[in-house]
Every structure is written in structure tokens, then in C-alpha cells.
């Protein structure tokens, strides 16, 4: 005797293929977003390290940094209060440090009064 069992438990092959296809389409749109985010996170970390290194160079804690390009020039900073001008003599220090393999640099400028 043949019995017709209509108690389907589980998914059919077509339903599984459609689910895998939909998950694949979602992954195609999400994976580049994560890759892009990781790239920018890594670049931002390198930039932060370069700023920290430039501050060390300016503070003379790391004066032997080979990557740093340091320039200093005597300068006068003028502060204006309405009609009053206050000149401040000092030194303008500029430090440039590369932070990625493409040669991009950060530049930090500091004015030290005498």
C-alpha cells in the first residue's frame, strides 16, 4: 500500500538556492564597505602616529627622527586688540613627517615665543 505523506518538513532545494543567492547579493554590497572602512581606519592610525612623532620632534624628545623634515624661522606674531597691536618675537617651527607609502605627509606648525 502506498501512502501519500503530506508532512513536508524542511526546505526545498529551490528555497535554499534562493536564500543563498539573496545572502550573496547582500554580501556583495556589504564587503566593500568593510574593506573601505578598514583602509581608512589604518590610514587614520598612521596619521595619528605621525602627528605624535612630529610633536616629539618639536619638543626635542626625538630629535634624531630620520623621516622628519624640520624648518625653523624667526618670526613676529602680531596680536590685534582693536587699535592696539602687540608684537611677539619668536620662532616658527614647521615639521613634516610622511605617514603612508604614497608619500603623503602631515605638517605641524608651532610658534615658540622668545
N, C-alpha and C. Protein backbone atom coordinates (compact mmCIF):
# COMPACT_ATOMS: atom_id res chain seq x y z
N UNK A 1 0.80 -1.16 0.00
CA UNK A 1 0.00 0.00 0.00
C UNK A 1 0.86 1.25 0.00
N UNK A 2 0.52 2.17 -0.84
CA UNK A 2 1.27 3.42 -0.98
C UNK A 2 0.54 4.48 -0.17
N UNK A 3 1.32 5.13 0.69
CA UNK A 3 0.70 6.19 1.48
C UNK A 3 1.24 7.54 0.99
N UNK A 4 0.39 8.48 0.88
CA UNK A 4 0.76 9.84 0.48
C UNK A 4 0.98 10.66 1.73
N UNK A 5 2.24 10.89 2.04
CA UNK A 5 2.54 11.70 3.21
C UNK A 5 2.70 13.15 2.77
N UNK A 6 1.93 13.99 3.32
CA UNK A 6 1.98 15.42 3.01
C UNK A 6 2.60 16.19 4.18
N UNK A 7 3.43 15.55 4.94
CA UNK A 7 4.07 16.19 6.08
C UNK A 7 5.47 16.63 5.67
N UNK A 8 5.55 17.68 4.86
CA UNK A 8 6.84 18.19 4.40
C UNK A 8 7.52 18.94 5.55
N UNK A 9 8.65 18.44 5.95
CA UNK A 9 9.43 19.12 6.97
C UNK A 9 10.74 19.54 6.33
N UNK A 10 11.09 20.83 6.48
CA UNK A 10 12.32 21.33 5.90
C UNK A 10 12.05 22.20 4.69
N UNK A 11 13.14 22.57 4.02
CA UNK A 11 13.06 23.45 2.86
C UNK A 11 13.34 22.67 1.58
N UNK A 12 12.76 23.16 0.52
CA UNK A 12 13.04 22.53 -0.77
C UNK A 12 14.36 23.07 -1.31
N UNK A 13 14.89 22.41 -2.32
CA UNK A 13 16.17 22.82 -2.92
C UNK A 13 16.07 24.23 -3.51
N UNK A 14 14.96 24.56 -4.13
CA UNK A 14 14.78 25.90 -4.72
C UNK A 14 14.81 26.97 -3.64
N UNK A 15 14.19 26.73 -2.50
CA UNK A 15 14.18 27.71 -1.42
C UNK A 15 15.59 27.94 -0.87
N UNK A 16 16.36 26.88 -0.77
CA UNK A 16 17.73 27.01 -0.28
C UNK A 16 18.59 27.78 -1.29
N UNK A 17 18.44 27.51 -2.56
CA UNK A 17 19.21 28.21 -3.60
C UNK A 17 18.86 29.70 -3.61
N UNK A 18 17.59 30.03 -3.48
CA UNK A 18 17.16 31.43 -3.45
C UNK A 18 17.72 32.13 -2.22
N UNK A 19 17.72 31.47 -1.05
CA UNK A 19 18.26 32.06 0.17
C UNK A 19 19.75 32.32 0.03
N UNK A 20 20.49 31.37 -0.53
CA UNK A 20 21.93 31.56 -0.73
C UNK A 20 22.19 32.70 -1.71
N UNK A 21 21.39 32.80 -2.75
CA UNK A 21 21.52 33.87 -3.73
C UNK A 21 21.29 35.23 -3.07
N UNK A 22 20.27 35.36 -2.24
CA UNK A 22 19.99 36.63 -1.56
C UNK A 22 21.10 37.00 -0.58
N UNK A 23 21.61 36.02 0.15
CA UNK A 23 22.72 36.29 1.07
C UNK A 23 23.95 36.74 0.28
N UNK A 24 24.20 36.15 -0.88
CA UNK A 24 25.32 36.55 -1.73
C UNK A 24 25.19 37.97 -2.22
N UNK A 25 23.99 38.36 -2.62
CA UNK A 25 23.77 39.74 -3.09
C UNK A 25 24.01 40.73 -1.95
N UNK A 26 23.53 40.41 -0.77
CA UNK A 26 23.75 41.29 0.38
C UNK A 26 25.25 41.40 0.69
N UNK A 27 25.95 40.28 0.62
CA UNK A 27 27.40 40.28 0.91
C UNK A 27 28.17 41.10 -0.11
N UNK A 28 27.74 41.07 -1.38
CA UNK A 28 28.43 41.85 -2.42
C UNK A 28 28.37 43.33 -2.11
N UNK A 29 27.30 43.80 -1.50
CA UNK A 29 27.18 45.21 -1.17
C UNK A 29 27.84 45.57 0.16
N UNK A 30 27.93 44.64 1.09
CA UNK A 30 28.49 44.94 2.41
C UNK A 30 30.01 44.78 2.50
N UNK A 31 30.59 43.82 1.81
CA UNK A 31 32.02 43.57 1.93
C UNK A 31 32.89 44.75 1.50
N UNK A 32 32.61 45.43 0.40
CA UNK A 32 33.42 46.61 0.05
C UNK A 32 33.34 47.71 1.11
N UNK A 33 32.20 47.83 1.77
CA UNK A 33 32.06 48.84 2.81
C UNK A 33 33.01 48.53 3.97
N UNK A 34 33.12 47.28 4.38
CA UNK A 34 34.02 46.92 5.46
C UNK A 34 35.48 47.09 5.04
N UNK A 35 35.80 46.75 3.82
CA UNK A 35 37.16 46.91 3.32
C UNK A 35 37.56 48.39 3.28
N UNK A 36 36.66 49.23 2.80
CA UNK A 36 36.89 50.67 2.73
C UNK A 36 37.09 51.24 4.14
N UNK A 37 36.27 50.79 5.09
CA UNK A 37 36.39 51.27 6.47
C UNK A 37 37.72 50.87 7.08
N UNK A 38 38.15 49.65 6.84
CA UNK A 38 39.43 49.19 7.39
C UNK A 38 40.59 49.99 6.81
N UNK A 39 40.54 50.28 5.52
CA UNK A 39 41.60 51.06 4.89
C UNK A 39 41.71 52.45 5.51
N UNK A 40 40.58 53.11 5.71
CA UNK A 40 40.60 54.45 6.29
C UNK A 40 40.98 54.41 7.76
N UNK A 41 40.60 53.38 8.47
CA UNK A 41 40.99 53.24 9.87
C UNK A 41 42.50 53.09 9.99
N UNK A 42 43.09 52.29 9.12
CA UNK A 42 44.54 52.09 9.13
C UNK A 42 45.27 53.38 8.78
N UNK A 43 44.79 54.10 7.77
CA UNK A 43 45.41 55.37 7.37
C UNK A 43 45.30 56.41 8.48
N UNK A 44 44.17 56.45 9.15
CA UNK A 44 43.99 57.40 10.24
C UNK A 44 44.93 57.10 11.40
N UNK A 45 45.14 55.82 11.69
CA UNK A 45 46.08 55.44 12.73
C UNK A 45 47.50 55.86 12.38
N UNK A 46 47.90 55.68 11.13
CA UNK A 46 49.24 56.11 10.70
C UNK A 46 49.39 57.63 10.81
N UNK A 47 48.34 58.35 10.45
CA UNK A 47 48.38 59.81 10.54
C UNK A 47 48.50 60.27 12.00
N UNK A 48 47.79 59.61 12.90
CA UNK A 48 47.87 59.95 14.31
C UNK A 48 49.28 59.70 14.86
N UNK A 49 49.88 58.58 14.47
CA UNK A 49 51.25 58.29 14.89
C UNK A 49 52.23 59.33 14.36
N UNK A 50 52.01 59.80 13.13
CA UNK A 50 52.89 60.83 12.55
C UNK A 50 52.75 62.16 13.30
N UNK A 51 51.52 62.51 13.68
CA UNK A 51 51.33 63.75 14.46
C UNK A 51 52.04 63.62 15.80
N UNK A 52 51.91 62.48 16.45
CA UNK A 52 52.59 62.26 17.73
C UNK A 52 54.11 62.37 17.56
N UNK A 53 54.65 61.77 16.50
CA UNK A 53 56.09 61.84 16.25
C UNK A 53 56.54 63.27 16.00
N UNK A 54 55.74 64.04 15.27
CA UNK A 54 56.11 65.43 15.00
C UNK A 54 56.11 66.25 16.27
N UNK A 55 55.18 65.97 17.17
CA UNK A 55 55.18 66.68 18.45
C UNK A 55 56.42 66.33 19.27
N UNK A 56 56.86 65.08 19.19
CA UNK A 56 58.08 64.69 19.89
C UNK A 56 59.30 65.41 19.30
N UNK A 57 59.33 65.54 17.99
CA UNK A 57 60.44 66.26 17.34
C UNK A 57 60.44 67.71 17.80
N UNK A 58 59.28 68.34 17.84
CA UNK A 58 59.19 69.74 18.25
C UNK A 58 59.63 69.90 19.71
N UNK A 59 59.26 68.97 20.55
CA UNK A 59 59.63 69.04 21.96
C UNK A 59 61.06 68.56 22.22
N UNK A 60 61.79 68.22 21.15
CA UNK A 60 63.19 67.76 21.20
C UNK A 60 63.36 66.45 21.95
N UNK A 61 62.31 65.68 22.10
CA UNK A 61 62.44 64.37 22.73
C UNK A 61 62.92 63.33 21.73
N UNK A 62 62.66 63.59 20.44
CA UNK A 62 63.02 62.62 19.40
C UNK A 62 63.70 63.38 18.26
N UNK A 63 64.75 64.08 18.58
CA UNK A 63 65.40 64.94 17.58
C UNK A 63 66.12 64.15 16.50
N UNK A 64 66.33 62.86 16.71
CA UNK A 64 67.04 62.05 15.71
C UNK A 64 66.09 61.30 14.78
N UNK A 65 64.86 61.77 14.65
CA UNK A 65 63.90 61.16 13.75
C UNK A 65 64.35 61.42 12.31
N UNK A 66 64.67 60.35 11.56
CA UNK A 66 65.21 60.49 10.21
C UNK A 66 64.16 60.91 9.18
N UNK A 67 62.89 60.63 9.44
CA UNK A 67 61.84 60.94 8.48
C UNK A 67 61.35 62.38 8.57
N UNK A 68 61.65 63.05 9.67
CA UNK A 68 61.11 64.39 9.91
C UNK A 68 61.87 65.44 9.11
N UNK A 69 61.13 66.33 8.47
CA UNK A 69 61.71 67.49 7.81
C UNK A 69 61.36 68.70 8.67
N UNK A 70 62.37 69.26 9.33
CA UNK A 70 62.14 70.35 10.27
C UNK A 70 62.69 71.64 9.69
N UNK A 71 61.89 72.69 9.76
CA UNK A 71 62.37 74.01 9.37
C UNK A 71 61.95 75.00 10.44
N UNK A 72 62.83 75.93 10.74
CA UNK A 72 62.55 76.95 11.75
C UNK A 72 62.97 78.30 11.21
N UNK A 73 62.19 79.31 11.54
CA UNK A 73 62.50 80.65 11.08
C UNK A 73 62.05 81.65 12.14
N UNK A 74 62.85 82.69 12.32
CA UNK A 74 62.45 83.76 13.23
C UNK A 74 61.25 84.47 12.64
N UNK A 75 60.34 84.82 13.51
CA UNK A 75 59.10 85.41 13.01
C UNK A 75 58.54 86.32 14.10
N UNK A 76 57.63 87.18 13.71
CA UNK A 76 56.93 88.04 14.65
C UNK A 76 55.44 87.75 14.55
N UNK A 77 54.87 87.40 15.67
CA UNK A 77 53.43 87.16 15.74
C UNK A 77 52.79 88.44 16.26
N UNK A 78 51.79 88.92 15.56
CA UNK A 78 51.13 90.15 15.97
C UNK A 78 49.71 89.83 16.42
N UNK A 79 49.39 90.30 17.63
CA UNK A 79 48.05 90.11 18.18
C UNK A 79 47.37 91.47 18.18
N UNK A 80 46.16 91.51 17.62
CA UNK A 80 45.42 92.76 17.49
C UNK A 80 44.25 92.78 18.48
N UNK A 81 44.17 93.89 19.24
CA UNK A 81 43.03 94.16 20.12
C UNK A 81 42.47 95.52 19.72
N UNK A 82 41.57 95.51 18.78
CA UNK A 82 41.03 96.78 18.29
C UNK A 82 42.12 97.59 17.62
N UNK A 83 42.49 98.73 18.22
CA UNK A 83 43.53 99.60 17.66
C UNK A 83 44.91 99.27 18.21
N UNK A 84 45.00 98.36 19.14
CA UNK A 84 46.27 98.04 19.79
C UNK A 84 46.87 96.80 19.13
N UNK A 85 48.16 96.87 18.80
CA UNK A 85 48.88 95.75 18.21
C UNK A 85 50.00 95.33 19.15
N UNK A 86 50.06 94.05 19.49
CA UNK A 86 51.11 93.54 20.36
C UNK A 86 51.99 92.60 19.54
N UNK A 87 53.25 93.01 19.28
CA UNK A 87 54.16 92.11 18.54
C UNK A 87 54.85 91.15 19.52
N UNK A 88 54.96 89.89 19.11
CA UNK A 88 55.65 88.89 19.91
C UNK A 88 56.71 88.25 19.04
N UNK A 89 57.97 88.41 19.48
CA UNK A 89 59.09 87.82 18.75
C UNK A 89 59.20 86.35 19.12
N UNK A 90 59.53 85.53 18.13
CA UNK A 90 59.68 84.12 18.41
C UNK A 90 60.17 83.35 17.21
N UNK A 91 59.95 82.07 17.26
CA UNK A 91 60.42 81.17 16.21
C UNK A 91 59.26 80.31 15.73
N UNK A 92 59.07 80.27 14.43
CA UNK A 92 58.04 79.43 13.84
C UNK A 92 58.69 78.11 13.41
N UNK A 93 58.23 77.00 13.98
CA UNK A 93 58.80 75.69 13.69
C UNK A 93 57.78 74.88 12.90
N UNK A 94 58.24 74.34 11.77
CA UNK A 94 57.40 73.50 10.91
C UNK A 94 58.03 72.12 10.82
N UNK A 95 57.22 71.09 11.07
CA UNK A 95 57.70 69.71 10.98
C UNK A 95 56.79 68.96 10.01
N UNK A 96 57.41 68.27 9.06
CA UNK A 96 56.67 67.43 8.10
C UNK A 96 57.16 66.00 8.25
N UNK A 97 56.19 65.07 8.38
CA UNK A 97 56.52 63.66 8.51
C UNK A 97 55.60 62.86 7.58
N UNK A 98 56.17 61.98 6.74
CA UNK A 98 55.32 61.13 5.89
C UNK A 98 54.61 60.08 6.73
N UNK A 99 53.37 59.75 6.32
CA UNK A 99 52.61 58.78 7.11
C UNK A 99 52.08 57.60 6.30
N UNK A 100 52.30 57.56 5.00
CA UNK A 100 51.88 56.38 4.24
C UNK A 100 52.86 56.11 3.11
N UNK A 101 52.67 54.99 2.43
CA UNK A 101 53.61 54.57 1.39
C UNK A 101 53.52 55.41 0.12
N UNK A 102 52.48 56.24 0.00
CA UNK A 102 52.33 57.09 -1.18
C UNK A 102 53.01 58.44 -1.00
N UNK A 103 53.65 58.66 0.14
CA UNK A 103 54.37 59.90 0.37
C UNK A 103 53.53 61.03 0.94
N UNK A 104 52.32 60.77 1.36
CA UNK A 104 51.51 61.82 1.98
C UNK A 104 52.14 62.20 3.31
N UNK A 105 52.13 63.49 3.61
CA UNK A 105 52.76 63.97 4.83
C UNK A 105 51.78 64.77 5.67
N UNK A 106 52.07 64.81 6.97
CA UNK A 106 51.37 65.73 7.85
C UNK A 106 52.32 66.88 8.13
N UNK A 107 51.77 68.03 8.41
CA UNK A 107 52.58 69.20 8.69
C UNK A 107 52.07 69.81 9.99
N UNK A 108 52.98 70.02 10.95
CA UNK A 108 52.63 70.64 12.22
C UNK A 108 53.44 71.91 12.35
N UNK A 109 52.76 73.03 12.60
CA UNK A 109 53.41 74.32 12.81
C UNK A 109 53.22 74.75 14.26
N UNK A 110 54.31 75.23 14.86
CA UNK A 110 54.27 75.70 16.24
C UNK A 110 55.05 77.00 16.32
N UNK A 111 54.53 77.93 17.09
CA UNK A 111 55.22 79.20 17.31
C UNK A 111 55.70 79.23 18.76
N UNK A 112 57.03 79.34 18.95
CA UNK A 112 57.63 79.45 20.28
C UNK A 112 58.05 80.89 20.48
N UNK A 113 57.53 81.52 21.53
CA UNK A 113 57.94 82.91 21.81
C UNK A 113 59.28 82.89 22.52
N UNK A 114 60.01 83.98 22.36
CA UNK A 114 61.36 84.07 22.98
C UNK A 114 61.28 84.64 24.37
